[in-house]
Amino acid sequence: MESGVLLEITKDLPSKMEIDDTFYSIRFKYGVHTILMFIDSQQKFSEITTSLLDVLRDRFPDGLAIKQGSPETTDIPEGDVELAYALPVNANDLSQGWKNIKVKSSDTPIGKGLRDGCPVAFSFDLDEPEFLVEIPSLDDDVEEEEAMGSDE
């Protein structure tokens, strides 16, 4: 099993469109999942949320896994919902947690401090968001390799 899931989504970009400096690649994170999306830095968060929810519903109809190896999942809400977003407290160490950036639907990524390539956690609970992000460690990889090799 992988220690994380990476899904690249570019379906909203026209096939002949050139991506310039105004577009950011953002790594949206929830549980063990990382969804890479290219977004316009001036795009409204309401549009980004709609695109992200479309991707999640399409790719993960049974919900999002919270922890590797656990059957526990989070259902993806139906209809138009708002999401809470957070940036890492320390971009070099995601295990230090996440800071809610409290976006409004009319806010833009550049206006909220997002940068190209940055990780962004999301939560389905606006009132009391909990940003559930499993951070893979080298220990996890070693344990996984040892478990795979023990069958010999």
N, C-alpha and C. Protein backbone atom coordinates (compact mmCIF):
# COMPACT_ATOMS: atom_id res chain seq x y z
N MET A 1 0.82 -1.19 0.00
CA MET A 1 0.00 0.00 0.00
C MET A 1 0.86 1.25 0.00
N GLU A 2 0.40 2.27 -0.65
CA GLU A 2 1.13 3.52 -0.68
C GLU A 2 0.91 4.28 0.63
N SER A 3 1.86 5.14 0.99
CA SER A 3 1.70 5.93 2.19
C SER A 3 0.92 7.21 1.91
N GLY A 4 0.52 7.44 0.70
CA GLY A 4 -0.28 8.60 0.34
C GLY A 4 -0.82 8.43 -1.06
N VAL A 5 -1.75 9.26 -1.41
CA VAL A 5 -2.36 9.17 -2.72
C VAL A 5 -2.22 10.54 -3.38
N LEU A 6 -1.70 10.57 -4.59
CA LEU A 6 -1.56 11.81 -5.33
C LEU A 6 -2.40 11.71 -6.59
N LEU A 7 -3.25 12.67 -6.78
CA LEU A 7 -4.13 12.69 -7.93
C LEU A 7 -3.97 14.04 -8.61
N GLU A 8 -3.59 14.02 -9.87
CA GLU A 8 -3.40 15.27 -10.62
C GLU A 8 -4.64 15.56 -11.44
N ILE A 9 -5.16 16.76 -11.27
CA ILE A 9 -6.38 17.13 -11.95
C ILE A 9 -6.13 18.38 -12.79
N THR A 10 -6.38 18.24 -14.08
CA THR A 10 -6.28 19.40 -14.97
C THR A 10 -7.50 19.47 -15.87
N LYS A 11 -8.58 18.78 -15.51
CA LYS A 11 -9.74 18.66 -16.37
C LYS A 11 -10.42 19.99 -16.66
N ASP A 12 -10.26 20.98 -15.78
CA ASP A 12 -10.92 22.26 -15.99
C ASP A 12 -10.15 23.18 -16.92
N LEU A 13 -8.95 22.78 -17.32
CA LEU A 13 -8.15 23.61 -18.21
C LEU A 13 -8.39 23.22 -19.65
N PRO A 14 -8.67 24.19 -20.50
CA PRO A 14 -8.82 23.87 -21.92
C PRO A 14 -7.54 23.26 -22.46
N SER A 15 -7.65 22.35 -23.42
CA SER A 15 -6.48 21.61 -23.90
C SER A 15 -5.45 22.49 -24.58
N LYS A 16 -5.83 23.60 -25.18
CA LYS A 16 -4.89 24.48 -25.88
C LYS A 16 -4.45 25.67 -25.04
N MET A 17 -4.87 25.73 -23.79
CA MET A 17 -4.57 26.88 -22.95
C MET A 17 -3.14 26.81 -22.42
N GLU A 18 -2.46 27.93 -22.46
CA GLU A 18 -1.12 27.98 -21.90
C GLU A 18 -1.22 28.38 -20.44
N ILE A 19 -0.47 27.69 -19.62
CA ILE A 19 -0.44 28.01 -18.20
C ILE A 19 0.71 28.99 -17.99
N ASP A 20 0.37 30.17 -17.45
CA ASP A 20 1.40 31.17 -17.23
C ASP A 20 1.64 31.38 -15.74
N ASP A 21 2.32 32.46 -15.40
CA ASP A 21 2.68 32.72 -14.00
C ASP A 21 1.48 32.99 -13.10
N THR A 22 0.31 33.26 -13.68
CA THR A 22 -0.86 33.50 -12.83
C THR A 22 -1.49 32.20 -12.34
N PHE A 23 -1.07 31.07 -12.91
CA PHE A 23 -1.59 29.78 -12.48
C PHE A 23 -0.68 29.17 -11.42
N TYR A 24 -1.29 28.59 -10.42
CA TYR A 24 -0.55 27.92 -9.35
C TYR A 24 -0.89 26.44 -9.38
N SER A 25 0.09 25.62 -9.06
CA SER A 25 -0.20 24.22 -8.78
C SER A 25 -0.33 24.14 -7.26
N ILE A 26 -1.49 23.68 -6.82
CA ILE A 26 -1.79 23.63 -5.39
C ILE A 26 -2.03 22.17 -5.01
N ARG A 27 -1.44 21.76 -3.88
CA ARG A 27 -1.61 20.39 -3.37
C ARG A 27 -2.66 20.42 -2.26
N PHE A 28 -3.91 20.13 -2.61
CA PHE A 28 -4.98 20.08 -1.63
C PHE A 28 -4.87 18.76 -0.86
N LYS A 29 -4.92 18.84 0.49
CA LYS A 29 -4.67 17.67 1.32
C LYS A 29 -5.83 17.39 2.27
N TYR A 30 -6.16 16.10 2.36
CA TYR A 30 -7.13 15.62 3.34
C TYR A 30 -6.81 14.17 3.63
N GLY A 31 -6.64 13.83 4.90
CA GLY A 31 -6.31 12.45 5.27
C GLY A 31 -5.05 12.00 4.56
N VAL A 32 -5.14 10.87 3.86
CA VAL A 32 -3.98 10.33 3.13
C VAL A 32 -3.92 10.86 1.69
N HIS A 33 -4.88 11.68 1.32
CA HIS A 33 -5.02 12.12 -0.07
C HIS A 33 -4.35 13.46 -0.34
N THR A 34 -3.75 13.56 -1.51
CA THR A 34 -3.24 14.82 -2.04
C THR A 34 -3.78 14.96 -3.45
N ILE A 35 -4.50 16.05 -3.68
CA ILE A 35 -5.08 16.31 -4.99
C ILE A 35 -4.38 17.52 -5.57
N LEU A 36 -3.65 17.32 -6.65
CA LEU A 36 -2.92 18.41 -7.29
C LEU A 36 -3.82 19.06 -8.33
N MET A 37 -4.05 20.36 -8.15
CA MET A 37 -4.88 21.10 -9.10
C MET A 37 -4.14 22.35 -9.57
N PHE A 38 -4.33 22.69 -10.81
CA PHE A 38 -3.83 23.95 -11.35
C PHE A 38 -4.97 24.95 -11.28
N ILE A 39 -4.72 26.05 -10.59
CA ILE A 39 -5.77 27.06 -10.41
C ILE A 39 -5.22 28.44 -10.79
N ASP A 40 -6.11 29.30 -11.20
CA ASP A 40 -5.75 30.69 -11.48
C ASP A 40 -5.65 31.40 -10.13
N SER A 41 -4.57 32.10 -9.91
CA SER A 41 -4.36 32.77 -8.62
C SER A 41 -5.38 33.87 -8.35
N GLN A 42 -6.09 34.31 -9.39
CA GLN A 42 -7.13 35.34 -9.24
C GLN A 42 -8.54 34.75 -9.23
N GLN A 43 -8.64 33.43 -9.29
CA GLN A 43 -9.94 32.75 -9.31
C GLN A 43 -10.58 32.83 -7.92
N LYS A 44 -11.89 32.96 -7.87
CA LYS A 44 -12.60 33.01 -6.59
C LYS A 44 -12.60 31.63 -5.94
N PHE A 45 -12.51 31.63 -4.61
CA PHE A 45 -12.53 30.36 -3.89
C PHE A 45 -13.83 29.59 -4.11
N SER A 46 -14.93 30.28 -4.37
CA SER A 46 -16.18 29.56 -4.63
C SER A 46 -16.04 28.67 -5.86
N GLU A 47 -15.33 29.14 -6.88
CA GLU A 47 -15.11 28.35 -8.09
C GLU A 47 -14.12 27.21 -7.84
N ILE A 48 -13.09 27.49 -7.05
CA ILE A 48 -12.11 26.46 -6.70
C ILE A 48 -12.77 25.35 -5.91
N THR A 49 -13.62 25.74 -4.95
CA THR A 49 -14.32 24.76 -4.13
C THR A 49 -15.22 23.88 -4.99
N THR A 50 -15.94 24.48 -5.92
CA THR A 50 -16.81 23.71 -6.83
C THR A 50 -15.99 22.69 -7.62
N SER A 51 -14.86 23.12 -8.17
CA SER A 51 -14.00 22.21 -8.94
C SER A 51 -13.44 21.09 -8.07
N LEU A 52 -12.99 21.44 -6.87
CA LEU A 52 -12.43 20.44 -5.96
C LEU A 52 -13.49 19.42 -5.57
N LEU A 53 -14.68 19.88 -5.23
CA LEU A 53 -15.76 18.95 -4.87
C LEU A 53 -16.15 18.04 -6.04
N ASP A 54 -16.17 18.58 -7.24
CA ASP A 54 -16.46 17.76 -8.43
C ASP A 54 -15.44 16.63 -8.56
N VAL A 55 -14.18 16.96 -8.38
CA VAL A 55 -13.11 15.97 -8.47
C VAL A 55 -13.26 14.92 -7.37
N LEU A 56 -13.49 15.38 -6.15
CA LEU A 56 -13.61 14.44 -5.03
C LEU A 56 -14.78 13.49 -5.23
N ARG A 57 -15.91 14.00 -5.65
CA ARG A 57 -17.09 13.15 -5.87
C ARG A 57 -16.87 12.16 -7.01
N ASP A 58 -16.15 12.59 -8.03
CA ASP A 58 -15.88 11.73 -9.18
C ASP A 58 -14.87 10.63 -8.83
N ARG A 59 -13.80 11.00 -8.17
CA ARG A 59 -12.70 10.06 -7.91
C ARG A 59 -12.85 9.24 -6.64
N PHE A 60 -13.59 9.76 -5.67
CA PHE A 60 -13.70 9.08 -4.37
C PHE A 60 -15.16 8.95 -3.95
N PRO A 61 -15.97 8.21 -4.71
CA PRO A 61 -17.40 8.11 -4.39
C PRO A 61 -17.67 7.44 -3.03
N ASP A 62 -16.71 6.66 -2.53
CA ASP A 62 -16.89 5.99 -1.24
C ASP A 62 -16.34 6.81 -0.08
N GLY A 63 -15.87 8.01 -0.35
CA GLY A 63 -15.34 8.88 0.71
C GLY A 63 -13.83 8.93 0.70
N LEU A 64 -13.30 9.77 1.59
CA LEU A 64 -11.85 9.99 1.69
C LEU A 64 -11.28 9.24 2.88
N ALA A 65 -10.23 8.47 2.65
CA ALA A 65 -9.55 7.75 3.74
C ALA A 65 -8.84 8.75 4.63
N ILE A 66 -8.98 8.55 5.93
CA ILE A 66 -8.36 9.47 6.88
C ILE A 66 -6.96 9.01 7.24
N LYS A 67 -6.80 7.72 7.55
CA LYS A 67 -5.49 7.17 7.92
C LYS A 67 -5.19 5.96 7.05
N GLN A 68 -3.92 5.80 6.75
CA GLN A 68 -3.48 4.65 5.96
C GLN A 68 -3.80 3.36 6.71
N GLY A 69 -4.42 2.42 6.02
CA GLY A 69 -4.71 1.12 6.62
C GLY A 69 -5.96 1.09 7.48
N SER A 70 -6.63 2.20 7.65
CA SER A 70 -7.84 2.26 8.47
C SER A 70 -9.07 2.27 7.56
N PRO A 71 -10.13 1.57 7.97
CA PRO A 71 -11.35 1.58 7.16
C PRO A 71 -12.15 2.89 7.31
N GLU A 72 -11.77 3.73 8.25
CA GLU A 72 -12.50 4.97 8.51
C GLU A 72 -12.37 5.94 7.33
N THR A 73 -13.52 6.44 6.86
CA THR A 73 -13.52 7.40 5.77
C THR A 73 -14.44 8.57 6.12
N THR A 74 -14.26 9.65 5.39
CA THR A 74 -15.14 10.81 5.51
C THR A 74 -15.96 10.91 4.23
N ASP A 75 -17.28 10.96 4.39
CA ASP A 75 -18.15 11.10 3.23
C ASP A 75 -18.01 12.51 2.64
N ILE A 76 -18.13 12.59 1.35
CA ILE A 76 -18.08 13.89 0.67
C ILE A 76 -19.51 14.41 0.59
N PRO A 77 -19.76 15.60 1.15
CA PRO A 77 -21.13 16.12 1.18
C PRO A 77 -21.69 16.36 -0.21
N GLU A 78 -22.99 16.22 -0.33
CA GLU A 78 -23.69 16.46 -1.59
C GLU A 78 -24.05 17.94 -1.71
N GLY A 79 -24.31 18.37 -2.93
CA GLY A 79 -24.77 19.73 -3.17
C GLY A 79 -23.67 20.77 -3.06
N ASP A 80 -24.10 22.02 -3.05
CA ASP A 80 -23.15 23.13 -2.93
C ASP A 80 -22.81 23.33 -1.46
N VAL A 81 -21.56 23.11 -1.13
CA VAL A 81 -21.09 23.31 0.24
C VAL A 81 -19.83 24.17 0.20
N GLU A 82 -19.56 24.81 1.32
CA GLU A 82 -18.33 25.58 1.44
C GLU A 82 -17.32 24.73 2.20
N LEU A 83 -16.06 24.95 1.91
CA LEU A 83 -14.99 24.24 2.60
C LEU A 83 -14.16 25.24 3.40
N ALA A 84 -13.55 24.76 4.45
CA ALA A 84 -12.55 25.55 5.18
C ALA A 84 -11.19 25.14 4.63
N TYR A 85 -10.30 26.11 4.52
CA TYR A 85 -8.96 25.87 3.99
C TYR A 85 -7.92 26.33 5.01
N ALA A 86 -6.75 25.68 4.97
CA ALA A 86 -5.68 26.05 5.89
C ALA A 86 -4.33 25.92 5.21
N LEU A 87 -3.41 26.76 5.65
CA LEU A 87 -2.02 26.70 5.22
C LEU A 87 -1.19 26.11 6.35
N PRO A 88 -0.07 25.48 6.03
CA PRO A 88 0.76 24.90 7.10
C PRO A 88 1.34 25.99 8.00
N VAL A 89 1.44 25.67 9.29
CA VAL A 89 2.11 26.56 10.23
C VAL A 89 3.56 26.73 9.81
N ASN A 90 4.18 25.63 9.39
CA ASN A 90 5.56 25.65 8.90
C ASN A 90 5.59 24.85 7.59
N ALA A 91 5.81 25.53 6.49
CA ALA A 91 5.79 24.86 5.18
C ALA A 91 6.85 23.79 5.04
N ASN A 92 7.89 23.84 5.87
CA ASN A 92 8.95 22.83 5.82
C ASN A 92 8.69 21.64 6.72
N ASP A 93 7.66 21.73 7.57
CA ASP A 93 7.32 20.65 8.49
C ASP A 93 5.81 20.62 8.69
N LEU A 94 5.11 19.88 7.84
CA LEU A 94 3.65 19.85 7.88
C LEU A 94 3.10 19.24 9.17
N SER A 95 3.92 18.50 9.89
CA SER A 95 3.46 17.88 11.14
C SER A 95 3.21 18.92 12.23
N GLN A 96 3.64 20.17 12.02
CA GLN A 96 3.41 21.22 13.01
C GLN A 96 1.98 21.76 12.98
N GLY A 97 1.20 21.32 12.02
CA GLY A 97 -0.20 21.70 12.00
C GLY A 97 -0.55 22.72 10.93
N TRP A 98 -1.80 23.16 11.01
CA TRP A 98 -2.39 23.98 9.96
C TRP A 98 -3.08 25.20 10.56
N LYS A 99 -3.03 26.31 9.84
CA LYS A 99 -3.68 27.55 10.28
C LYS A 99 -4.83 27.86 9.32
N ASN A 100 -6.04 27.93 9.87
CA ASN A 100 -7.24 28.23 9.10
C ASN A 100 -7.09 29.61 8.45
N ILE A 101 -7.28 29.71 7.14
CA ILE A 101 -7.15 31.01 6.47
C ILE A 101 -8.50 31.70 6.28
N LYS A 102 -9.57 31.09 6.76
CA LYS A 102 -10.91 31.69 6.79
C LYS A 102 -11.28 32.41 5.49
N VAL A 103 -11.45 31.63 4.45
CA VAL A 103 -11.77 32.21 3.15
C VAL A 103 -13.26 32.52 3.02
N LYS A 104 -13.53 33.57 2.29
CA LYS A 104 -14.89 33.89 1.85
C LYS A 104 -14.98 33.46 0.40
N SER A 105 -16.19 33.27 -0.09
CA SER A 105 -16.34 32.76 -1.46
C SER A 105 -15.74 33.70 -2.50
N SER A 106 -15.66 34.99 -2.20
CA SER A 106 -15.11 35.95 -3.17
C SER A 106 -13.60 36.14 -3.04
N ASP A 107 -12.97 35.55 -2.02
CA ASP A 107 -11.52 35.65 -1.84
C ASP A 107 -10.80 34.92 -2.97
N THR A 108 -9.54 35.31 -3.19
CA THR A 108 -8.71 34.67 -4.21
C THR A 108 -7.48 34.04 -3.56
N PRO A 109 -6.88 33.05 -4.20
CA PRO A 109 -5.68 32.42 -3.64
C PRO A 109 -4.55 33.42 -3.36
N ILE A 110 -4.30 34.31 -4.30
CA ILE A 110 -3.21 35.26 -4.09
C ILE A 110 -3.53 36.20 -2.92
N GLY A 111 -4.79 36.54 -2.76
CA GLY A 111 -5.21 37.41 -1.66
C GLY A 111 -5.13 36.74 -0.30
N LYS A 112 -5.12 35.42 -0.27
CA LYS A 112 -5.04 34.67 0.99
C LYS A 112 -3.65 34.11 1.26
N GLY A 113 -2.67 34.51 0.46
CA GLY A 113 -1.29 34.12 0.74
C GLY A 113 -0.84 32.80 0.14
N LEU A 114 -1.62 32.21 -0.75
CA LEU A 114 -1.19 30.97 -1.39
C LEU A 114 -0.08 31.27 -2.39
N ARG A 115 0.80 30.32 -2.56
CA ARG A 115 1.91 30.43 -3.51
C ARG A 115 1.92 29.18 -4.39
N ASP A 116 2.58 29.27 -5.52
CA ASP A 116 2.70 28.13 -6.41
C ASP A 116 3.35 26.96 -5.68
N GLY A 117 2.74 25.80 -5.78
CA GLY A 117 3.29 24.59 -5.19
C GLY A 117 2.97 24.38 -3.72
N CYS A 118 2.21 25.27 -3.12
CA CYS A 118 1.98 25.15 -1.67
C CYS A 118 0.95 24.07 -1.35
N PRO A 119 1.10 23.46 -0.16
CA PRO A 119 0.08 22.53 0.31
C PRO A 119 -1.05 23.31 0.99
N VAL A 120 -2.28 22.87 0.78
CA VAL A 120 -3.45 23.50 1.40
C VAL A 120 -4.34 22.38 1.93
N ALA A 121 -4.57 22.38 3.24
CA ALA A 121 -5.48 21.40 3.83
C ALA A 121 -6.91 21.92 3.69
N PHE A 122 -7.86 21.00 3.66
CA PHE A 122 -9.26 21.42 3.62
C PHE A 122 -10.09 20.59 4.57
N SER A 123 -11.21 21.19 5.00
CA SER A 123 -12.13 20.54 5.93
C SER A 123 -13.55 20.79 5.46
N PHE A 124 -14.42 19.84 5.74
CA PHE A 124 -15.83 19.98 5.37
C PHE A 124 -16.63 20.71 6.44
N ASP A 125 -16.03 21.00 7.59
CA ASP A 125 -16.70 21.66 8.71
C ASP A 125 -16.23 23.11 8.80
N LEU A 126 -17.10 24.05 8.46
CA LEU A 126 -16.73 25.47 8.51
C LEU A 126 -16.70 26.01 9.94
N ASP A 127 -17.63 25.54 10.79
CA ASP A 127 -17.75 26.10 12.14
C ASP A 127 -16.58 25.75 13.03
N GLU A 128 -16.20 24.49 13.04
CA GLU A 128 -15.07 24.03 13.85
C GLU A 128 -14.20 23.12 12.99
N PRO A 129 -13.49 23.69 12.03
CA PRO A 129 -12.72 22.85 11.10
C PRO A 129 -11.58 22.12 11.79
N GLU A 130 -11.47 20.86 11.44
CA GLU A 130 -10.34 20.05 11.87
C GLU A 130 -9.63 19.61 10.59
N PHE A 131 -8.38 19.99 10.48
CA PHE A 131 -7.64 19.71 9.25
C PHE A 131 -6.89 18.39 9.42
N LEU A 132 -7.49 17.33 8.91
CA LEU A 132 -6.97 15.97 9.04
C LEU A 132 -6.04 15.69 7.87
N VAL A 133 -4.76 15.67 8.15
CA VAL A 133 -3.76 15.40 7.11
C VAL A 133 -2.77 14.40 7.68
N GLU A 134 -2.68 13.24 7.03
CA GLU A 134 -1.69 12.25 7.45
C GLU A 134 -0.39 12.55 6.73
N ILE A 135 0.65 12.73 7.52
CA ILE A 135 1.97 13.05 6.98
C ILE A 135 2.78 11.76 6.95
N PRO A 136 3.14 11.27 5.76
CA PRO A 136 3.96 10.06 5.69
C PRO A 136 5.34 10.33 6.27
N SER A 137 5.90 9.31 6.90
CA SER A 137 7.24 9.45 7.46
C SER A 137 8.13 8.36 6.89
N LEU A 138 9.42 8.54 7.04
CA LEU A 138 10.36 7.51 6.59
C LEU A 138 10.15 6.21 7.35
N ASP A 139 9.76 6.31 8.63
CA ASP A 139 9.50 5.11 9.42
C ASP A 139 8.36 4.29 8.81
N ASP A 140 7.32 4.96 8.31
CA ASP A 140 6.20 4.27 7.66
C ASP A 140 6.69 3.48 6.45
N ASP A 141 7.56 4.10 5.66
CA ASP A 141 8.08 3.44 4.46
C ASP A 141 8.92 2.22 4.82
N VAL A 142 9.75 2.34 5.86
CA VAL A 142 10.60 1.23 6.29
C VAL A 142 9.74 0.08 6.79
N GLU A 143 8.73 0.39 7.63
CA GLU A 143 7.84 -0.65 8.14
C GLU A 143 7.10 -1.35 7.00
N GLU A 144 6.67 -0.57 6.02
CA GLU A 144 5.96 -1.13 4.87
C GLU A 144 6.86 -2.07 4.08
N GLU A 145 8.10 -1.66 3.85
CA GLU A 145 9.05 -2.50 3.11
C GLU A 145 9.36 -3.77 3.89
N GLU A 146 9.51 -3.66 5.21
CA GLU A 146 9.79 -4.84 6.03
C GLU A 146 8.61 -5.80 5.99
N ALA A 147 7.39 -5.28 6.04
CA ALA A 147 6.20 -6.13 5.99
C ALA A 147 6.10 -6.85 4.65
N MET A 148 6.45 -6.17 3.58
CA MET A 148 6.39 -6.79 2.26
C MET A 148 7.45 -7.86 2.11
N GLY A 149 8.60 -7.67 2.72
CA GLY A 149 9.70 -8.63 2.61
C GLY A 149 9.59 -9.80 3.55
N SER A 150 8.67 -9.74 4.52
CA SER A 150 8.58 -10.82 5.51
C SER A 150 7.91 -12.07 4.97
N ASP A 151 7.33 -12.03 3.79
CA ASP A 151 6.66 -13.19 3.21
C ASP A 151 7.62 -14.18 2.57
N GLU A 152 8.86 -13.80 2.44
CA GLU A 152 9.82 -14.65 1.73
C GLU A 152 10.24 -15.83 2.55
